[in-house]
């Protein structure tokens, strides 16, 4: 019975995973550091080739920004 519970839990995790091929990374940084990190991503993975974007962001206490960057795994 333990195996069945594990398979159900694994299936639920898989359902919550994004179903696209984008690479995502989430950061939580001070506002200026967050801006610099986003600039680094855009410099390393140009938007035209990788479809790079800030997928989501929110402001937290203490002037910290939590944000998720998204890009394609390659420029093909």
N, C-alpha and C. Protein backbone atom coordinates (compact mmCIF):
# COMPACT_ATOMS: atom_id res chain seq x y z
N UNK A 1 0.82 -1.21 0.00
CA UNK A 1 0.00 0.00 0.00
C UNK A 1 0.85 1.25 0.00
N UNK A 2 2.05 1.20 0.60
CA UNK A 2 2.95 2.35 0.60
C UNK A 2 3.34 2.78 -0.80
N UNK A 3 3.50 1.81 -1.72
CA UNK A 3 3.85 2.12 -3.10
C UNK A 3 2.77 2.90 -3.80
N UNK A 4 1.52 2.55 -3.53
CA UNK A 4 0.39 3.25 -4.14
C UNK A 4 0.36 4.70 -3.68
N UNK A 5 0.56 4.94 -2.39
CA UNK A 5 0.55 6.31 -1.86
C UNK A 5 1.67 7.13 -2.50
N UNK A 6 2.81 6.51 -2.67
CA UNK A 6 3.95 7.21 -3.26
C UNK A 6 3.65 7.56 -4.72
N UNK A 7 3.06 6.65 -5.48
CA UNK A 7 2.74 6.92 -6.88
C UNK A 7 1.70 8.03 -7.00
N UNK A 8 0.74 8.05 -6.12
CA UNK A 8 -0.28 9.11 -6.13
C UNK A 8 0.37 10.46 -5.83
N UNK A 9 1.24 10.49 -4.81
CA UNK A 9 1.94 11.73 -4.46
C UNK A 9 2.81 12.21 -5.62
N UNK A 10 3.51 11.29 -6.27
CA UNK A 10 4.35 11.66 -7.41
C UNK A 10 3.50 12.20 -8.57
N UNK A 11 2.35 11.61 -8.80
CA UNK A 11 1.47 12.07 -9.87
C UNK A 11 0.95 13.48 -9.57
N UNK A 12 0.64 13.76 -8.32
CA UNK A 12 0.17 15.10 -7.95
C UNK A 12 1.27 16.13 -8.15
N UNK A 13 2.50 15.79 -7.80
CA UNK A 13 3.62 16.71 -8.02
C UNK A 13 3.79 16.98 -9.50
N UNK A 14 3.69 15.96 -10.32
CA UNK A 14 3.85 16.12 -11.77
C UNK A 14 2.76 17.02 -12.34
N UNK A 15 1.55 16.95 -11.80
CA UNK A 15 0.46 17.80 -12.28
C UNK A 15 0.72 19.27 -12.01
N UNK A 16 1.47 19.59 -10.95
CA UNK A 16 1.74 20.97 -10.59
C UNK A 16 2.94 21.54 -11.33
N UNK A 17 3.74 20.70 -11.94
CA UNK A 17 4.92 21.15 -12.67
C UNK A 17 4.50 21.83 -13.98
N UNK A 18 5.23 22.86 -14.37
CA UNK A 18 4.92 23.50 -15.66
C UNK A 18 5.03 22.49 -16.79
N UNK A 19 4.14 22.59 -17.77
CA UNK A 19 4.12 21.64 -18.88
C UNK A 19 4.69 22.26 -20.15
N UNK A 20 5.69 23.09 -19.98
CA UNK A 20 6.35 23.67 -21.14
C UNK A 20 7.85 23.43 -21.01
N UNK A 21 8.60 23.90 -21.96
CA UNK A 21 10.03 23.61 -21.96
C UNK A 21 10.87 24.76 -21.40
N UNK A 22 10.24 25.76 -20.80
CA UNK A 22 10.99 26.89 -20.26
C UNK A 22 11.79 26.51 -19.03
N UNK A 23 12.94 27.16 -18.89
CA UNK A 23 13.77 27.04 -17.69
C UNK A 23 13.38 28.21 -16.80
N UNK A 24 13.12 27.93 -15.54
CA UNK A 24 12.71 28.97 -14.60
C UNK A 24 13.65 28.97 -13.40
N UNK A 25 13.88 30.18 -12.88
CA UNK A 25 14.64 30.30 -11.64
C UNK A 25 14.04 31.44 -10.84
N UNK A 26 13.82 31.18 -9.55
CA UNK A 26 13.21 32.17 -8.68
C UNK A 26 14.28 32.75 -7.75
N UNK A 27 14.23 34.05 -7.56
CA UNK A 27 15.17 34.76 -6.71
C UNK A 27 14.41 35.58 -5.69
N UNK A 28 15.06 35.89 -4.57
CA UNK A 28 14.53 36.82 -3.58
C UNK A 28 15.70 37.71 -3.16
N UNK A 29 15.69 38.95 -3.67
CA UNK A 29 16.84 39.84 -3.51
C UNK A 29 16.37 41.25 -3.15
N UNK A 30 17.31 42.04 -2.63
CA UNK A 30 17.04 43.46 -2.42
C UNK A 30 16.73 44.08 -3.78
N UNK A 31 15.98 45.15 -3.80
CA UNK A 31 15.48 45.75 -5.05
C UNK A 31 16.60 45.98 -6.08
N UNK A 32 17.68 46.63 -5.71
CA UNK A 32 18.75 46.92 -6.67
C UNK A 32 19.44 45.64 -7.14
N UNK A 33 19.63 44.68 -6.23
CA UNK A 33 20.22 43.39 -6.60
C UNK A 33 19.29 42.63 -7.56
N UNK A 34 18.00 42.75 -7.33
CA UNK A 34 17.01 42.10 -8.22
C UNK A 34 17.09 42.68 -9.63
N UNK A 35 17.20 43.99 -9.72
CA UNK A 35 17.33 44.63 -11.03
C UNK A 35 18.60 44.15 -11.74
N UNK A 36 19.69 44.08 -10.99
CA UNK A 36 20.96 43.65 -11.58
C UNK A 36 20.88 42.19 -12.04
N UNK A 37 20.25 41.33 -11.25
CA UNK A 37 20.11 39.92 -11.64
C UNK A 37 19.28 39.79 -12.91
N UNK A 38 18.20 40.54 -13.01
CA UNK A 38 17.38 40.50 -14.23
C UNK A 38 18.19 40.98 -15.43
N UNK A 39 18.98 42.05 -15.25
CA UNK A 39 19.83 42.53 -16.35
C UNK A 39 20.83 41.46 -16.77
N UNK A 40 21.40 40.74 -15.80
CA UNK A 40 22.35 39.66 -16.11
C UNK A 40 21.68 38.59 -16.98
N UNK A 41 20.46 38.21 -16.60
CA UNK A 41 19.74 37.20 -17.38
C UNK A 41 19.50 37.68 -18.81
N UNK A 42 19.07 38.93 -18.96
CA UNK A 42 18.81 39.45 -20.30
C UNK A 42 20.10 39.57 -21.12
N UNK A 43 21.22 39.86 -20.46
CA UNK A 43 22.50 39.94 -21.17
C UNK A 43 22.99 38.55 -21.57
N UNK A 44 22.83 37.59 -20.69
CA UNK A 44 23.30 36.22 -20.94
C UNK A 44 22.38 35.48 -21.91
N UNK A 45 21.07 35.69 -21.74
CA UNK A 45 20.06 35.01 -22.57
C UNK A 45 19.20 36.07 -23.25
N UNK A 46 19.64 36.61 -24.39
CA UNK A 46 18.90 37.69 -25.05
C UNK A 46 17.44 37.30 -25.33
N UNK A 47 16.57 38.26 -25.11
CA UNK A 47 15.13 38.03 -25.25
C UNK A 47 14.75 37.50 -26.63
N UNK A 48 15.37 38.03 -27.66
CA UNK A 48 15.03 37.63 -29.03
C UNK A 48 15.33 36.16 -29.30
N UNK A 49 16.39 35.63 -28.69
CA UNK A 49 16.79 34.25 -28.94
C UNK A 49 16.19 33.26 -27.95
N UNK A 50 16.05 33.67 -26.69
CA UNK A 50 15.63 32.74 -25.63
C UNK A 50 14.23 33.03 -25.09
N UNK A 51 13.57 34.06 -25.57
CA UNK A 51 12.26 34.48 -25.05
C UNK A 51 12.33 34.77 -23.56
N UNK A 52 13.43 35.33 -23.13
CA UNK A 52 13.65 35.62 -21.72
C UNK A 52 12.65 36.66 -21.23
N UNK A 53 12.13 36.44 -20.02
CA UNK A 53 11.22 37.42 -19.43
C UNK A 53 11.15 37.24 -17.93
N UNK A 54 10.72 38.30 -17.25
CA UNK A 54 10.38 38.20 -15.83
C UNK A 54 8.96 37.64 -15.82
N UNK A 55 8.84 36.40 -15.39
CA UNK A 55 7.54 35.74 -15.45
C UNK A 55 6.58 36.26 -14.38
N UNK A 56 7.11 36.48 -13.18
CA UNK A 56 6.28 37.01 -12.10
C UNK A 56 7.19 37.69 -11.08
N UNK A 57 6.60 38.61 -10.32
CA UNK A 57 7.37 39.26 -9.26
C UNK A 57 6.41 39.80 -8.22
N UNK A 58 6.95 39.99 -7.01
CA UNK A 58 6.17 40.62 -5.94
C UNK A 58 7.13 41.28 -4.96
N UNK A 59 6.65 42.36 -4.37
CA UNK A 59 7.46 43.09 -3.40
C UNK A 59 7.19 42.53 -2.01
N UNK A 60 8.26 42.27 -1.26
CA UNK A 60 8.16 41.75 0.10
C UNK A 60 8.58 42.84 1.07
N UNK A 61 8.43 42.55 2.35
CA UNK A 61 8.87 43.51 3.38
C UNK A 61 10.36 43.75 3.26
N UNK A 62 10.77 44.92 3.69
CA UNK A 62 12.19 45.24 3.69
C UNK A 62 12.73 45.56 2.31
N UNK A 63 11.86 45.99 1.39
CA UNK A 63 12.26 46.37 0.03
C UNK A 63 12.95 45.22 -0.70
N UNK A 64 12.47 44.01 -0.47
CA UNK A 64 12.97 42.83 -1.16
C UNK A 64 11.98 42.45 -2.26
N UNK A 65 12.51 41.90 -3.33
CA UNK A 65 11.70 41.51 -4.47
C UNK A 65 11.88 40.01 -4.69
N UNK A 66 10.77 39.30 -4.78
CA UNK A 66 10.80 37.89 -5.16
C UNK A 66 10.33 37.83 -6.61
N UNK A 67 11.13 37.21 -7.48
CA UNK A 67 10.76 37.19 -8.89
C UNK A 67 11.25 35.90 -9.54
N UNK A 68 10.56 35.52 -10.59
CA UNK A 68 10.91 34.33 -11.36
C UNK A 68 11.26 34.75 -12.77
N UNK A 69 12.46 34.33 -13.19
CA UNK A 69 12.92 34.54 -14.56
C UNK A 69 12.62 33.29 -15.36
N UNK A 70 12.27 33.49 -16.62
CA UNK A 70 11.93 32.37 -17.49
C UNK A 70 12.65 32.54 -18.83
N UNK A 71 13.15 31.43 -19.37
CA UNK A 71 13.81 31.45 -20.68
C UNK A 71 13.72 30.08 -21.31
N UNK A 72 13.95 30.02 -22.62
CA UNK A 72 14.06 28.73 -23.30
C UNK A 72 15.41 28.10 -22.97
N UNK A 73 15.52 26.79 -22.99
CA UNK A 73 16.78 26.14 -22.63
C UNK A 73 17.90 26.38 -23.65
N UNK A 74 17.55 26.69 -24.89
CA UNK A 74 18.57 26.98 -25.91
C UNK A 74 18.00 27.97 -26.91
N UNK A 75 18.89 28.52 -27.73
CA UNK A 75 18.47 29.53 -28.70
C UNK A 75 18.16 28.92 -30.06
N UNK A 76 17.93 27.65 -30.11
CA UNK A 76 17.66 26.96 -31.39
C UNK A 76 16.39 27.45 -32.02
